[in-house]
Amino acid sequence: MIAYERPDLFGYKESRYRLIEVPEPAEMLDALAAVLGISIVVSKTRQLFIFKGVRIHLDRVESLGDFIEFEGIAADGGDPSVFAELLNDLRRSFGIRDGDLLSVSYSDLLRSDSPA
């Protein structure tokens, strides 16, 4: 399970997350669904590449389409700005313009029924 904490902003943003090993994922899903309900399901496939310490996620999201995400991983207490130049270079290399950036999650896009 991955718990994310990040602002809904355009452009680069700092994210904090926690990875939690779930030895019984089906049981955990059943328990959480019983207590919290399920508001939406995001079905995606992801290809992951790593380039100079930046994770490049190529996502195909059912009902939304294809997406790319760059994720520079800074150690706890590390300075995330060290990735700024590399992230800008990657954006240029992939032809990603400011207008292509999203500020919300896949689940938010699915809830809004707006084209991505």
PDB file of N, CA and C in Angstrom:
ATOM      1  N   MET A   1       0.854  -1.163   0.000  1.00  0.00           N
ATOM      2  CA  MET A   1       0.000   0.000   0.000  1.00  0.00           C
ATOM      3  C   MET A   1       0.903   1.229   0.000  1.00  0.00           C
ATOM      4  N   ILE A   2       0.485   2.223  -0.740  1.00  0.00           N
ATOM      5  CA  ILE A   2       1.243   3.469  -0.799  1.00  0.00           C
ATOM      6  C   ILE A   2       0.324   4.606  -0.356  1.00  0.00           C
ATOM      7  N   ALA A   3       0.744   5.329   0.666  1.00  0.00           N
ATOM      8  CA  ALA A   3       0.001   6.496   1.150  1.00  0.00           C
ATOM      9  C   ALA A   3       0.747   7.745   0.713  1.00  0.00           C
ATOM     10  N   TYR A   4       0.092   8.581  -0.113  1.00  0.00           N
ATOM     11  CA  TYR A   4       0.713   9.796  -0.646  1.00  0.00           C
ATOM     12  C   TYR A   4       0.233  11.024   0.107  1.00  0.00           C
ATOM     13  N   GLU A   5       1.140  11.971   0.253  1.00  0.00           N
ATOM     14  CA  GLU A   5       0.802  13.308   0.738  1.00  0.00           C
ATOM     15  C   GLU A   5       1.451  14.280  -0.233  1.00  0.00           C
ATOM     16  N   ARG A   6       0.619  14.964  -1.038  1.00  0.00           N
ATOM     17  CA  ARG A   6       1.156  15.950  -1.973  1.00  0.00           C
ATOM     18  C   ARG A   6       0.057  16.942  -2.340  1.00  0.00           C
ATOM     19  N   PRO A   7       0.447  18.165  -2.619  1.00  0.00           N
ATOM     20  CA  PRO A   7      -0.539  19.185  -2.985  1.00  0.00           C
ATOM     21  C   PRO A   7      -1.023  18.992  -4.420  1.00  0.00           C
ATOM     22  N   ASP A   8      -2.243  19.425  -4.693  1.00  0.00           N
ATOM     23  CA  ASP A   8      -2.779  19.412  -6.056  1.00  0.00           C
ATOM     24  C   ASP A   8      -2.370  20.715  -6.738  1.00  0.00           C
ATOM     25  N   LEU A   9      -1.161  20.720  -7.279  1.00  0.00           N
ATOM     26  CA  LEU A   9      -0.605  21.889  -7.950  1.00  0.00           C
ATOM     27  C   LEU A   9      -0.071  21.472  -9.309  1.00  0.00           C
ATOM     28  N   PHE A  10      -0.002  22.434 -10.237  1.00  0.00           N
ATOM     29  CA  PHE A  10       0.637  22.182 -11.520  1.00  0.00           C
ATOM     30  C   PHE A  10       2.147  22.213 -11.328  1.00  0.00           C
ATOM     31  N   GLY A  11       2.852  21.492 -12.160  1.00  0.00           N
ATOM     32  CA  GLY A  11       4.304  21.549 -12.151  1.00  0.00           C
ATOM     33  C   GLY A  11       4.921  20.664 -11.083  1.00  0.00           C
ATOM     34  N   TYR A  12       6.159  20.985 -10.775  1.00  0.00           N
ATOM     35  CA  TYR A  12       6.904  20.177  -9.821  1.00  0.00           C
ATOM     36  C   TYR A  12       6.351  20.396  -8.426  1.00  0.00           C
ATOM     37  N   LYS A  13       6.257  19.317  -7.680  1.00  0.00           N
ATOM     38  CA  LYS A  13       5.771  19.416  -6.313  1.00  0.00           C
ATOM     39  C   LYS A  13       6.455  18.358  -5.471  1.00  0.00           C
ATOM     40  N   GLU A  14       6.609  18.669  -4.225  1.00  0.00           N
ATOM     41  CA  GLU A  14       7.186  17.696  -3.313  1.00  0.00           C
ATOM     42  C   GLU A  14       6.094  16.754  -2.850  1.00  0.00           C
ATOM     43  N   SER A  15       6.402  15.479  -2.895  1.00  0.00           N
ATOM     44  CA  SER A  15       5.486  14.447  -2.429  1.00  0.00           C
ATOM     45  C   SER A  15       6.157  13.682  -1.305  1.00  0.00           C
ATOM     46  N   ARG A  16       5.367  13.316  -0.360  1.00  0.00           N
ATOM     47  CA  ARG A  16       5.836  12.415   0.691  1.00  0.00           C
ATOM     48  C   ARG A  16       4.955  11.182   0.622  1.00  0.00           C
ATOM     49  N   TYR A  17       5.571  10.050   0.802  1.00  0.00           N
ATOM     50  CA  TYR A  17       4.772   8.831   0.755  1.00  0.00           C
ATOM     51  C   TYR A  17       5.329   7.792   1.709  1.00  0.00           C
ATOM     52  N   ARG A  18       4.451   6.886   2.045  1.00  0.00           N
ATOM     53  CA  ARG A  18       4.825   5.756   2.895  1.00  0.00           C
ATOM     54  C   ARG A  18       4.478   4.473   2.169  1.00  0.00           C
ATOM     55  N   LEU A  19       5.419   3.550   2.154  1.00  0.00           N
ATOM     56  CA  LEU A  19       5.182   2.227   1.586  1.00  0.00           C
ATOM     57  C   LEU A  19       4.919   1.269   2.736  1.00  0.00           C
ATOM     58  N   ILE A  20       3.813   0.556   2.643  1.00  0.00           N
ATOM     59  CA  ILE A  20       3.431  -0.375   3.690  1.00  0.00           C
ATOM     60  C   ILE A  20       3.251  -1.748   3.060  1.00  0.00           C
ATOM     61  N   GLU A  21       4.020  -2.707   3.536  1.00  0.00           N
ATOM     62  CA  GLU A  21       3.884  -4.066   3.023  1.00  0.00           C
ATOM     63  C   GLU A  21       2.571  -4.657   3.517  1.00  0.00           C
ATOM     64  N   VAL A  22       1.831  -5.253   2.606  1.00  0.00           N
ATOM     65  CA  VAL A  22       0.543  -5.857   2.933  1.00  0.00           C
ATOM     66  C   VAL A  22       0.630  -7.347   2.566  1.00  0.00           C
ATOM     67  N   PRO A  23       0.841  -8.194   3.569  1.00  0.00           N
ATOM     68  CA  PRO A  23       1.014  -9.620   3.269  1.00  0.00           C
ATOM     69  C   PRO A  23      -0.264 -10.312   2.778  1.00  0.00           C
ATOM     70  N   GLU A  24      -1.423  -9.777   3.117  1.00  0.00           N
ATOM     71  CA  GLU A  24      -2.712 -10.362   2.709  1.00  0.00           C
ATOM     72  C   GLU A  24      -3.529  -9.284   1.991  1.00  0.00           C
ATOM     73  N   PRO A  25      -3.161  -8.914   0.747  1.00  0.00           N
ATOM     74  CA  PRO A  25      -3.824  -7.776   0.090  1.00  0.00           C
ATOM     75  C   PRO A  25      -5.324  -7.959  -0.115  1.00  0.00           C
ATOM     76  N   ALA A  26      -5.788  -9.144  -0.455  1.00  0.00           N
ATOM     77  CA  ALA A  26      -7.229  -9.347  -0.665  1.00  0.00           C
ATOM     78  C   ALA A  26      -7.995  -9.128   0.630  1.00  0.00           C
ATOM     79  N   GLU A  27      -7.459  -9.628   1.734  1.00  0.00           N
ATOM     80  CA  GLU A  27      -8.124  -9.433   3.030  1.00  0.00           C
ATOM     81  C   GLU A  27      -8.101  -7.972   3.440  1.00  0.00           C
ATOM     82  N   MET A  28      -6.989  -7.294   3.182  1.00  0.00           N
ATOM     83  CA  MET A  28      -6.900  -5.866   3.499  1.00  0.00           C
ATOM     84  C   MET A  28      -7.919  -5.071   2.688  1.00  0.00           C
ATOM     85  N   LEU A  29      -8.050  -5.380   1.405  1.00  0.00           N
ATOM     86  CA  LEU A  29      -9.036  -4.708   0.560  1.00  0.00           C
ATOM     87  C   LEU A  29     -10.445  -4.936   1.085  1.00  0.00           C
ATOM     88  N   ASP A  30     -10.765  -6.168   1.431  1.00  0.00           N
ATOM     89  CA  ASP A  30     -12.097  -6.473   1.971  1.00  0.00           C
ATOM     90  C   ASP A  30     -12.362  -5.706   3.255  1.00  0.00           C
ATOM     91  N   ALA A  31     -11.373  -5.654   4.148  1.00  0.00           N
ATOM     92  CA  ALA A  31     -11.540  -4.958   5.427  1.00  0.00           C
ATOM     93  C   ALA A  31     -11.726  -3.457   5.211  1.00  0.00           C
ATOM     94  N   LEU A  32     -10.883  -2.854   4.372  1.00  0.00           N
ATOM     95  CA  LEU A  32     -10.996  -1.416   4.118  1.00  0.00           C
ATOM     96  C   LEU A  32     -12.307  -1.084   3.403  1.00  0.00           C
ATOM     97  N   ALA A  33     -12.698  -1.913   2.449  1.00  0.00           N
ATOM     98  CA  ALA A  33     -13.957  -1.680   1.729  1.00  0.00           C
ATOM     99  C   ALA A  33     -15.141  -1.771   2.681  1.00  0.00           C
ATOM    100  N   ALA A  34     -15.108  -2.708   3.624  1.00  0.00           N
ATOM    101  CA  ALA A  34     -16.209  -2.858   4.580  1.00  0.00           C
ATOM    102  C   ALA A  34     -16.324  -1.645   5.496  1.00  0.00           C
ATOM    103  N   VAL A  35     -15.184  -1.070   5.870  1.00  0.00           N
ATOM    104  CA  VAL A  35     -15.188   0.053   6.810  1.00  0.00           C
ATOM    105  C   VAL A  35     -15.352   1.397   6.105  1.00  0.00           C
ATOM    106  N   LEU A  36     -14.657   1.573   4.972  1.00  0.00           N
ATOM    107  CA  LEU A  36     -14.618   2.879   4.312  1.00  0.00           C
ATOM    108  C   LEU A  36     -15.426   2.945   3.018  1.00  0.00           C
ATOM    109  N   GLY A  37     -15.711   1.801   2.441  1.00  0.00           N
ATOM    110  CA  GLY A  37     -16.339   1.781   1.127  1.00  0.00           C
ATOM    111  C   GLY A  37     -15.300   2.023   0.046  1.00  0.00           C
ATOM    112  N   ILE A  38     -15.713   1.848  -1.199  1.00  0.00           N
ATOM    113  CA  ILE A  38     -14.829   2.105  -2.349  1.00  0.00           C
ATOM    114  C   ILE A  38     -15.483   3.199  -3.169  1.00  0.00           C
ATOM    115  N   SER A  39     -14.782   4.320  -3.305  1.00  0.00           N
ATOM    116  CA  SER A  39     -15.364   5.443  -4.052  1.00  0.00           C
ATOM    117  C   SER A  39     -15.024   5.364  -5.537  1.00  0.00           C
ATOM    118  N   ILE A  40     -13.862   4.821  -5.870  1.00  0.00           N
ATOM    119  CA  ILE A  40     -13.468   4.709  -7.269  1.00  0.00           C
ATOM    120  C   ILE A  40     -12.310   3.716  -7.382  1.00  0.00           C
ATOM    121  N   VAL A  41     -12.217   3.069  -8.531  1.00  0.00           N
ATOM    122  CA  VAL A  41     -11.121   2.148  -8.798  1.00  0.00           C
ATOM    123  C   VAL A  41     -10.357   2.663 -10.011  1.00  0.00           C
ATOM    124  N   VAL A  42      -9.061   2.812  -9.871  1.00  0.00           N
ATOM    125  CA  VAL A  42      -8.196   3.222 -10.975  1.00  0.00           C
ATOM    126  C   VAL A  42      -7.495   1.970 -11.489  1.00  0.00           C
ATOM    127  N   SER A  43      -7.782   1.615 -12.735  1.00  0.00           N
ATOM    128  CA  SER A  43      -7.124   0.464 -13.367  1.00  0.00           C
ATOM    129  C   SER A  43      -6.060   0.981 -14.311  1.00  0.00           C
ATOM    130  N   LYS A  44      -4.808   0.610 -14.025  1.00  0.00           N
ATOM    131  CA  LYS A  44      -3.711   1.105 -14.855  1.00  0.00           C
ATOM    132  C   LYS A  44      -2.636   0.045 -14.975  1.00  0.00           C
ATOM    133  N   THR A  45      -1.862   0.193 -16.024  1.00  0.00           N
ATOM    134  CA  THR A  45      -0.623  -0.559 -16.162  1.00  0.00           C
ATOM    135  C   THR A  45       0.497   0.465 -16.191  1.00  0.00           C
ATOM    136  N   ARG A  46       1.637   0.078 -15.649  1.00  0.00           N
ATOM    137  CA  ARG A  46       2.756   1.016 -15.560  1.00  0.00           C
ATOM    138  C   ARG A  46       4.029   0.326 -16.005  1.00  0.00           C
ATOM    139  N   GLN A  47       4.783   1.043 -16.833  1.00  0.00           N
ATOM    140  CA  GLN A  47       6.155   0.651 -17.138  1.00  0.00           C
ATOM    141  C   GLN A  47       7.042   1.640 -16.400  1.00  0.00           C
ATOM    142  N   LEU A  48       8.060   1.132 -15.740  1.00  0.00           N
ATOM    143  CA  LEU A  48       8.942   1.968 -14.934  1.00  0.00           C
ATOM    144  C   LEU A  48      10.356   1.923 -15.501  1.00  0.00           C
ATOM    145  N   PHE A  49      10.929   3.103 -15.690  1.00  0.00           N
ATOM    146  CA  PHE A  49      12.313   3.247 -16.117  1.00  0.00           C
ATOM    147  C   PHE A  49      12.997   4.180 -15.128  1.00  0.00           C
ATOM    148  N   ILE A  50      14.293   4.003 -14.946  1.00  0.00           N
ATOM    149  CA  ILE A  50      15.054   4.893 -14.064  1.00  0.00           C
ATOM    150  C   ILE A  50      16.190   5.495 -14.878  1.00  0.00           C
ATOM    151  N   PHE A  51      16.281   6.832 -14.840  1.00  0.00           N
ATOM    152  CA  PHE A  51      17.302   7.560 -15.581  1.00  0.00           C
ATOM    153  C   PHE A  51      17.931   8.591 -14.651  1.00  0.00           C
ATOM    154  N   LYS A  52      19.207   8.405 -14.335  1.00  0.00           N
ATOM    155  CA  LYS A  52      19.955   9.347 -13.496  1.00  0.00           C
ATOM    156  C   LYS A  52      19.223   9.661 -12.189  1.00  0.00           C
ATOM    157  N   GLY A  53      18.664   8.652 -11.557  1.00  0.00           N
ATOM    158  CA  GLY A  53      17.990   8.834 -10.269  1.00  0.00           C
ATOM    159  C   GLY A  53      16.554   9.316 -10.363  1.00  0.00           C
ATOM    160  N   VAL A  54      16.037   9.466 -11.576  1.00  0.00           N
ATOM    161  CA  VAL A  54      14.640   9.884 -11.765  1.00  0.00           C
ATOM    162  C   VAL A  54      13.847   8.690 -12.283  1.00  0.00           C
ATOM    163  N   ARG A  55      12.752   8.410 -11.625  1.00  0.00           N
ATOM    164  CA  ARG A  55      11.854   7.360 -12.092  1.00  0.00           C
ATOM    165  C   ARG A  55      10.956   7.937 -13.180  1.00  0.00           C
ATOM    166  N   ILE A  56      10.858   7.227 -14.271  1.00  0.00           N
ATOM    167  CA  ILE A  56       9.990   7.622 -15.377  1.00  0.00           C
ATOM    168  C   ILE A  56       8.869   6.597 -15.433  1.00  0.00           C
ATOM    169  N   HIS A  57       7.653   7.031 -15.140  1.00  0.00           N
ATOM    170  CA  HIS A  57       6.484   6.155 -15.141  1.00  0.00           C
ATOM    171  C   HIS A  57       5.722   6.360 -16.448  1.00  0.00           C
ATOM    172  N   LEU A  58       5.534   5.298 -17.209  1.00  0.00           N
ATOM    173  CA  LEU A  58       4.672   5.331 -18.391  1.00  0.00           C
ATOM    174  C   LEU A  58       3.399   4.582 -18.007  1.00  0.00           C
ATOM    175  N   ASP A  59       2.319   5.321 -17.855  1.00  0.00           N
ATOM    176  CA  ASP A  59       1.057   4.754 -17.371  1.00  0.00           C
ATOM    177  C   ASP A  59       0.018   4.705 -18.474  1.00  0.00           C
ATOM    178  N   ARG A  60      -0.717   3.618 -18.536  1.00  0.00           N
ATOM    179  CA  ARG A  60      -1.909   3.505 -19.367  1.00  0.00           C
ATOM    180  C   ARG A  60      -3.064   3.302 -18.386  1.00  0.00           C
ATOM    181  N   VAL A  61      -3.969   4.297 -18.349  1.00  0.00           N
ATOM    182  CA  VAL A  61      -5.064   4.292 -17.384  1.00  0.00           C
ATOM    183  C   VAL A  61      -6.371   4.042 -18.124  1.00  0.00           C
ATOM    184  N   GLU A  62      -7.055   2.999 -17.701  1.00  0.00           N
ATOM    185  CA  GLU A  62      -8.329   2.642 -18.327  1.00  0.00           C
ATOM    186  C   GLU A  62      -9.294   3.824 -18.255  1.00  0.00           C
ATOM    187  N   SER A  63      -9.918   4.131 -19.359  1.00  0.00           N
ATOM    188  CA  SER A  63     -10.893   5.222 -19.527  1.00  0.00           C
ATOM    189  C   SER A  63     -10.259   6.613 -19.592  1.00  0.00           C
ATOM    190  N   LEU A  64      -8.947   6.733 -19.403  1.00  0.00           N
ATOM    191  CA  LEU A  64      -8.298   8.042 -19.452  1.00  0.00           C
ATOM    192  C   LEU A  64      -7.235   8.149 -20.542  1.00  0.00           C
ATOM    193  N   GLY A  65      -6.453   7.101 -20.740  1.00  0.00           N
ATOM    194  CA  GLY A  65      -5.415   7.150 -21.761  1.00  0.00           C
ATOM    195  C   GLY A  65      -4.021   6.965 -21.196  1.00  0.00           C
ATOM    196  N   ASP A  66      -3.037   7.551 -21.885  1.00  0.00           N
ATOM    197  CA  ASP A  66      -1.629   7.359 -21.561  1.00  0.00           C
ATOM    198  C   ASP A  66      -1.052   8.606 -20.896  1.00  0.00           C
ATOM    199  N   PHE A  67      -0.167   8.370 -19.930  1.00  0.00           N
ATOM    200  CA  PHE A  67       0.423   9.455 -19.148  1.00  0.00           C
ATOM    201  C   PHE A  67       1.886   9.142 -18.889  1.00  0.00           C
ATOM    202  N   ILE A  68       2.648  10.201 -18.605  1.00  0.00           N
ATOM    203  CA  ILE A  68       4.040  10.048 -18.197  1.00  0.00           C
ATOM    204  C   ILE A  68       4.239  10.871 -16.934  1.00  0.00           C
ATOM    205  N   GLU A  69       5.005  10.318 -16.020  1.00  0.00           N
ATOM    206  CA  GLU A  69       5.304  11.025 -14.767  1.00  0.00           C
ATOM    207  C   GLU A  69       6.794  10.869 -14.490  1.00  0.00           C
ATOM    208  N   PHE A  70       7.424  11.957 -14.080  1.00  0.00           N
ATOM    209  CA  PHE A  70       8.818  11.934 -13.667  1.00  0.00           C
ATOM    210  C   PHE A  70       8.849  12.096 -12.152  1.00  0.00           C
ATOM    211  N   GLU A  71       9.644  11.269 -11.502  1.00  0.00           N
ATOM    212  CA  GLU A  71       9.696  11.299 -10.043  1.00  0.00           C
ATOM    213  C   GLU A  71      11.157  11.234  -9.592  1.00  0.00           C
ATOM    214  N   GLY A  72      11.655  12.364  -9.109  1.00  0.00           N
ATOM    215  CA  GLY A  72      13.005  12.396  -8.543  1.00  0.00           C
ATOM    216  C   GLY A  72      12.903  12.043  -7.071  1.00  0.00           C
ATOM    217  N   ILE A  73      13.692  11.086  -6.641  1.00  0.00           N
ATOM    218  CA  ILE A  73      13.609  10.601  -5.265  1.00  0.00           C
ATOM    219  C   ILE A  73      14.747  11.208  -4.442  1.00  0.00           C
ATOM    220  N   ALA A  74      14.374  12.091  -3.513  1.00  0.00           N
ATOM    221  CA  ALA A  74      15.345  12.687  -2.595  1.00  0.00           C
ATOM    222  C   ALA A  74      15.286  11.919  -1.282  1.00  0.00           C
ATOM    223  N   ALA A  75      16.430  11.666  -0.702  1.00  0.00           N
ATOM    224  CA  ALA A  75      16.478  10.994   0.599  1.00  0.00           C
ATOM    225  C   ALA A  75      15.797  11.865   1.648  1.00  0.00           C
ATOM    226  N   ASP A  76      15.347  11.244   2.721  1.00  0.00           N
ATOM    227  CA  ASP A  76      14.736  12.012   3.812  1.00  0.00           C
ATOM    228  C   ASP A  76      15.646  13.167   4.199  1.00  0.00           C
ATOM    229  N   GLY A  77      15.074  14.361   4.184  1.00  0.00           N
ATOM    230  CA  GLY A  77      15.845  15.550   4.505  1.00  0.00           C
ATOM    231  C   GLY A  77      16.676  16.064   3.339  1.00  0.00           C
ATOM    232  N   GLY A  78      16.651  15.341   2.210  1.00  0.00           N
ATOM    233  CA  GLY A  78      17.412  15.763   1.040  1.00  0.00           C
ATOM    234  C   GLY A  78      16.744  16.938   0.339  1.00  0.00           C
ATOM    235  N   ASP A  79      17.487  17.596  -0.490  1.00  0.00           N
ATOM    236  CA  ASP A  79      17.002  18.769  -1.213  1.00  0.00           C
ATOM    237  C   ASP A  79      16.426  18.340  -2.564  1.00  0.00           C
ATOM    238  N   PRO A  80      15.086  18.399  -2.730  1.00  0.00           N
ATOM    239  CA  PRO A  80      14.495  17.975  -3.997  1.00  0.00           C
ATOM    240  C   PRO A  80      14.848  18.874  -5.176  1.00  0.00           C
ATOM    241  N   SER A  81      15.346  20.074  -4.923  1.00  0.00           N
ATOM    242  CA  SER A  81      15.674  20.986  -6.024  1.00  0.00           C
ATOM    243  C   SER A  81      16.854  20.477  -6.858  1.00  0.00           C
ATOM    244  N   VAL A  82      17.583  19.478  -6.361  1.00  0.00           N
ATOM    245  CA  VAL A  82      18.697  18.938  -7.137  1.00  0.00           C
ATOM    246  C   VAL A  82      18.215  18.310  -8.443  1.00  0.00           C
ATOM    247  N   PHE A  83      16.930  17.994  -8.535  1.00  0.00           N
ATOM    248  CA  PHE A  83      16.381  17.362  -9.724  1.00  0.00           C
ATOM    249  C   PHE A  83      15.835  18.369 -10.745  1.00  0.00           C
ATOM    250  N   ALA A  84      15.764  19.637 -10.400  1.00  0.00           N
ATOM    251  CA  ALA A  84      15.089  20.631 -11.240  1.00  0.00           C
ATOM    252  C   ALA A  84      15.621  20.644 -12.674  1.00  0.00           C
ATOM    253  N   GLU A  85      16.931  20.718 -12.855  1.00  0.00           N
ATOM    254  CA  GLU A  85      17.498  20.797 -14.205  1.00  0.00           C
ATOM    255  C   GLU A  85      17.220  19.517 -14.998  1.00  0.00           C
ATOM    256  N   LEU A  86      17.392  18.359 -14.353  1.00  0.00           N
ATOM    257  CA  LEU A  86      17.146  17.091 -15.032  1.00  0.00           C
ATOM    258  C   LEU A  86      15.674  16.945 -15.397  1.00  0.00           C
ATOM    259  N   LEU A  87      14.782  17.338 -14.509  1.00  0.00           N
ATOM    260  CA  LEU A  87      13.346  17.256 -14.812  1.00  0.00           C
ATOM    261  C   LEU A  87      12.986  18.173 -15.969  1.00  0.00           C
ATOM    262  N   ASN A  88      13.557  19.365 -15.997  1.00  0.00           N
ATOM    263  CA  ASN A  88      13.317  20.277 -17.128  1.00  0.00           C
ATOM    264  C   ASN A  88      13.837  19.679 -18.428  1.00  0.00           C
ATOM    265  N   ASP A  89      15.021  19.065 -18.388  1.00  0.00           N
ATOM    266  CA  ASP A  89      15.581  18.426 -19.582  1.00  0.00           C
ATOM    267  C   ASP A  89      14.680  17.283 -20.058  1.00  0.00           C
ATOM    268  N   LEU A  90      14.176  16.479 -19.134  1.00  0.00           N
ATOM    269  CA  LEU A  90      13.279  15.380 -19.504  1.00  0.00           C
ATOM    270  C   LEU A  90      11.993  15.910 -20.130  1.00  0.00           C
ATOM    271  N   ARG A  91      11.427  16.960 -19.546  1.00  0.00           N
ATOM    272  CA  ARG A  91      10.214  17.554 -20.118  1.00  0.00           C
ATOM    273  C   ARG A  91      10.455  18.004 -21.546  1.00  0.00           C
ATOM    274  N   ARG A  92      11.575  18.676 -21.781  1.00  0.00           N
ATOM    275  CA  ARG A  92      11.901  19.128 -23.142  1.00  0.00           C
ATOM    276  C   ARG A  92      12.084  17.931 -24.073  1.00  0.00           C
ATOM    277  N   SER A  93      12.789  16.919 -23.605  1.00  0.00           N
ATOM    278  CA  SER A  93      13.059  15.738 -24.443  1.00  0.00           C
ATOM    279  C   SER A  93      11.782  15.018 -24.853  1.00  0.00           C
ATOM    280  N   PHE A  94      10.798  14.990 -23.959  1.00  0.00           N
ATOM    281  CA  PHE A  94       9.534  14.312 -24.249  1.00  0.00           C
ATOM    282  C   PHE A  94       8.485  15.263 -24.838  1.00  0.00           C
ATOM    283  N   GLY A  95       8.838  16.542 -25.016  1.00  0.00           N
ATOM    284  CA  GLY A  95       7.914  17.500 -25.614  1.00  0.00           C
ATOM    285  C   GLY A  95       6.725  17.829 -24.730  1.00  0.00           C
ATOM    286  N   ILE A  96       6.928  17.838 -23.426  1.00  0.00           N
ATOM    287  CA  ILE A  96       5.838  18.123 -22.488  1.00  0.00           C
ATOM    288  C   ILE A  96       5.793  19.621 -22.214  1.00  0.00           C
ATOM    289  N   ARG A  97       4.664  20.230 -22.587  1.00  0.00           N
ATOM    290  CA  ARG A  97       4.469  21.670 -22.406  1.00  0.00           C
ATOM    291  C   ARG A  97       3.759  21.943 -21.081  1.00  0.00           C
ATOM    292  N   ASP A  98       3.792  23.193 -20.642  1.00  0.00           N
ATOM    293  CA  ASP A  98       3.104  23.568 -19.403  1.00  0.00           C
ATOM    294  C   ASP A  98       1.629  23.184 -19.453  1.00  0.00           C
ATOM    295  N   GLY A  99       1.004  23.366 -20.616  1.00  0.00           N
ATOM    296  CA  GLY A  99      -0.422  23.054 -20.752  1.00  0.00           C
ATOM    297  C   GLY A  99      -0.737  21.571 -20.677  1.00  0.00           C
ATOM    298  N   ASP A 100       0.284  20.724 -20.766  1.00  0.00           N
ATOM    299  CA  ASP A 100       0.089  19.281 -20.669  1.00  0.00           C
ATOM    300  C   ASP A 100       0.046  18.788 -19.227  1.00  0.00           C
ATOM    301  N   LEU A 101       0.500  19.625 -18.296  1.00  0.00           N
ATOM    302  CA  LEU A 101       0.623  19.194 -16.904  1.00  0.00           C
ATOM    303  C   LEU A 101      -0.740  19.097 -16.234  1.00  0.00           C
ATOM    304  N   LEU A 102      -0.856  18.129 -15.342  1.00  0.00           N
ATOM    305  CA  LEU A 102      -2.079  17.931 -14.563  1.00  0.00           C
ATOM    306  C   LEU A 102      -1.793  18.234 -13.102  1.00  0.00           C
ATOM    307  N   SER A 103      -2.794  18.738 -12.405  1.00  0.00           N
ATOM    308  CA  SER A 103      -2.619  19.028 -10.985  1.00  0.00           C
ATOM    309  C   SER A 103      -3.339  18.019 -10.105  1.00  0.00           C
ATOM    310  N   VAL A 104      -4.067  17.099 -10.710  1.00  0.00           N
ATOM    311  CA  VAL A 104      -4.894  16.183  -9.932  1.00  0.00           C
ATOM    312  C   VAL A 104      -4.518  14.729 -10.228  1.00  0.00           C
ATOM    313  N   SER A 105      -5.064  13.843  -9.428  1.00  0.00           N
ATOM    314  CA  SER A 105      -4.767  12.415  -9.559  1.00  0.00           C
ATOM    315  C   SER A 105      -5.652  11.767 -10.619  1.00  0.00           C
ATOM    316  N   TYR A 106      -5.305  10.531 -10.964  1.00  0.00           N
ATOM    317  CA  TYR A 106      -6.132   9.772 -11.903  1.00  0.00           C
ATOM    318  C   TYR A 106      -7.550   9.599 -11.342  1.00  0.00           C
ATOM    319  N   SER A 107      -7.658   9.339 -10.058  1.00  0.00           N
ATOM    320  CA  SER A 107      -8.996   9.160  -9.480  1.00  0.00           C
ATOM    321  C   SER A 107      -9.811  10.446  -9.587  1.00  0.00           C
ATOM    322  N   ASP A 108      -9.188  11.591  -9.397  1.00  0.00           N
ATOM    323  CA  ASP A 108      -9.898  12.868  -9.564  1.00  0.00           C
ATOM    324  C   ASP A 108     -10.364  13.035 -10.997  1.00  0.00           C
ATOM    325  N   LEU A 109      -9.516  12.676 -11.963  1.00  0.00           N
ATOM    326  CA  LEU A 109      -9.903  12.770 -13.373  1.00  0.00           C
ATOM    327  C   LEU A 109     -11.085  11.850 -13.682  1.00  0.00           C
ATOM    328  N   LEU A 110     -11.057  10.642 -13.153  1.00  0.00           N
ATOM    329  CA  LEU A 110     -12.154   9.707 -13.397  1.00  0.00           C
ATOM    330  C   LEU A 110     -13.463  10.213 -12.788  1.00  0.00           C
ATOM    331  N   ARG A 111     -13.387  10.820 -11.622  1.00  0.00           N
ATOM    332  CA  ARG A 111     -14.588  11.360 -10.962  1.00  0.00           C
ATOM    333  C   ARG A 111     -15.166  12.541 -11.739  1.00  0.00           C
ATOM    334  N   SER A 112     -14.302  13.325 -12.374  1.00  0.00           N
ATOM    335  CA  SER A 112     -14.764  14.560 -13.031  1.00  0.00           C
ATOM    336  C   SER A 112     -15.338  14.312 -14.402  1.00  0.00           C
ATOM    337  N   ASP A 113     -15.092  13.145 -14.975  1.00  0.00           N
ATOM    338  CA  ASP A 113     -15.538  12.835 -16.333  1.00  0.00           C
ATOM    339  C   ASP A 113     -15.026  13.826 -17.361  1.00  0.00           C
ATOM    340  N   SER A 114     -13.916  14.506 -17.045  1.00  0.00           N
ATOM    341  CA  SER A 114     -13.335  15.433 -18.019  1.00  0.00           C
ATOM    342  C   SER A 114     -12.211  14.734 -18.762  1.00  0.00           C
ATOM    343  N   PRO A 115     -12.018  15.060 -20.054  1.00  0.00           N
ATOM    344  CA  PRO A 115     -10.939  14.413 -20.803  1.00  0.00           C
ATOM    345  C   PRO A 115      -9.581  14.803 -20.257  1.00  0.00           C
ATOM    346  N   ALA A 116      -8.671  13.864 -20.244  1.00  0.00           N
ATOM    347  CA  ALA A 116      -7.319  14.135 -19.743  1.00  0.00           C
ATOM    348  C   ALA A 116      -6.465  14.671 -20.871  1.00  0.00           C
TER     349      ALA A 116
END
